[in-house]
Protein backbone atom coordinates (compact mmCIF):
# COMPACT_ATOMS: atom_id res chain seq x y z
CA UNK A 1 121.66 154.54 130.46
CA UNK A 2 124.44 157.11 130.13
CA UNK A 3 126.93 158.07 132.88
CA UNK A 4 124.95 161.19 133.76
CA UNK A 5 121.93 159.05 134.65
CA UNK A 6 124.14 156.70 136.66
CA UNK A 7 125.56 159.53 138.79
CA UNK A 8 122.15 161.00 139.61
CA UNK A 9 119.99 158.08 140.70
CA UNK A 10 119.60 157.92 144.47
CA UNK A 11 121.87 158.88 147.33
CA UNK A 12 123.18 155.35 147.85
CA UNK A 13 123.89 154.73 144.18
CA UNK A 14 125.11 158.29 143.63
CA UNK A 15 127.87 157.68 146.16
CA UNK A 16 129.01 154.52 144.41
CA UNK A 17 128.66 156.15 140.99
CA UNK A 18 130.98 158.95 142.06
CA UNK A 19 133.59 156.42 143.13
CA UNK A 20 133.41 154.12 140.11
CA UNK A 21 132.78 156.45 137.18
CA UNK A 22 136.13 157.65 135.81
CA UNK A 23 134.36 160.32 133.77
CA UNK A 24 133.16 162.16 136.89
CA UNK A 25 134.04 165.81 136.54
CA UNK A 26 135.68 168.07 139.07
CA UNK A 27 132.39 169.97 139.18
CA UNK A 28 130.57 166.80 140.25
CA UNK A 29 133.14 166.32 143.03
CA UNK A 30 132.78 169.94 144.15
CA UNK A 31 128.99 169.71 144.17
CA UNK A 32 129.02 166.47 146.18
CA UNK A 33 131.35 168.06 148.75
CA UNK A 34 129.13 171.15 149.00
CA UNK A 35 126.20 168.82 149.69
CA UNK A 36 128.13 166.83 152.31
CA UNK A 37 129.18 170.02 154.11
CA UNK A 38 125.64 171.39 153.96
CA UNK A 39 124.12 168.15 155.25
CA UNK A 40 126.61 167.79 158.11
CA UNK A 41 126.21 171.42 159.23
CA UNK A 42 122.48 171.59 158.50
CA UNK A 43 122.84 174.64 156.24
CA UNK A 44 121.82 175.31 152.60
CA UNK A 45 124.36 174.12 150.03
CA UNK A 46 123.54 177.03 147.72
CA UNK A 47 125.16 179.49 150.12
CA UNK A 48 128.49 177.66 150.30
CA UNK A 49 131.41 179.08 148.30
CA UNK A 50 134.95 177.76 147.79
CA UNK A 51 136.54 180.71 149.60
CA UNK A 52 134.58 180.17 152.83
CA UNK A 53 136.65 179.09 155.83
CA UNK A 54 135.28 176.10 157.69
CA UNK A 55 135.61 177.98 160.98
CA UNK A 56 133.33 180.75 159.73
CA UNK A 57 130.46 178.38 158.93
CA UNK A 58 127.48 178.08 161.29
CA UNK A 59 127.25 174.97 163.49
CA UNK A 60 130.89 174.01 162.85
CA UNK A 61 133.09 172.38 165.47
CA UNK A 62 135.95 169.89 165.33
CA UNK A 63 133.65 166.88 165.52
CA UNK A 64 131.54 168.09 162.61
CA UNK A 65 134.66 168.75 160.53
CA UNK A 66 135.83 165.20 161.21
CA UNK A 67 132.39 163.90 160.25
CA UNK A 68 132.62 165.86 156.97
CA UNK A 69 135.99 164.23 156.29
CA UNK A 70 134.71 160.73 157.12
CA UNK A 71 131.58 161.14 155.02
CA UNK A 72 133.68 162.45 152.11
CA UNK A 73 136.12 159.54 152.39
CA UNK A 74 133.23 157.09 152.28
CA UNK A 75 131.45 158.85 149.40
CA UNK A 76 134.54 158.87 147.18
CA UNK A 77 136.26 155.73 148.52
CA UNK A 78 139.42 157.68 149.35
CA UNK A 79 141.59 158.28 152.41
CA UNK A 80 142.46 161.82 153.42
CA UNK A 81 145.67 162.04 155.44
CA UNK A 82 145.37 163.57 158.92
CA UNK A 83 147.92 166.31 158.22
CA UNK A 84 145.93 167.35 155.14
CA UNK A 85 142.74 167.44 157.20
CA UNK A 86 144.30 169.84 159.70
CA UNK A 87 145.96 172.00 157.01
CA UNK A 88 142.86 172.65 154.90
CA UNK A 89 141.04 175.85 155.86
CA UNK A 90 138.51 176.58 153.11
CA UNK A 91 135.86 174.59 151.30
CA UNK A 92 137.74 175.16 148.03
CA UNK A 93 140.99 173.76 149.46
CA UNK A 94 139.12 170.70 150.67
CA UNK A 95 137.47 170.28 147.27
CA UNK A 96 140.90 170.49 145.60
CA UNK A 97 142.33 167.80 147.88
CA UNK A 98 139.43 165.46 147.13
CA UNK A 99 139.64 166.14 143.38
CA UNK A 100 143.37 165.29 143.44
CA UNK A 101 142.79 162.09 145.41
CA UNK A 102 140.01 161.04 143.02
CA UNK A 103 142.30 161.64 140.01
CA UNK A 104 145.08 159.61 141.66
CA UNK A 105 142.66 156.80 142.33
CA UNK A 106 141.35 156.65 138.77
CA UNK A 107 144.84 156.80 137.25
CA UNK A 108 146.12 153.95 139.46
């Protein structure tokens, strides 16, 4: 089984595959974050773009943003600092933060 098959099995194994596979691409990280945001806000992932501000999204409030952060931390086995959480305004900025943290984790 190649790494592509490993990363696309089921939701529970996909989460662990994202965290353990060092060959995971930035695009895979971005797609997973789009899906997390869509699931938490109950909106279609296809309509989400990197330049969208979290505050402009339907169904968003501070509790849902925190849930997005917590779900992302769990999915990628990372910790996002509080000051970063409050500084990030767009989906793309959030994706960039997670990509950087994933790279730091795999290089450690």
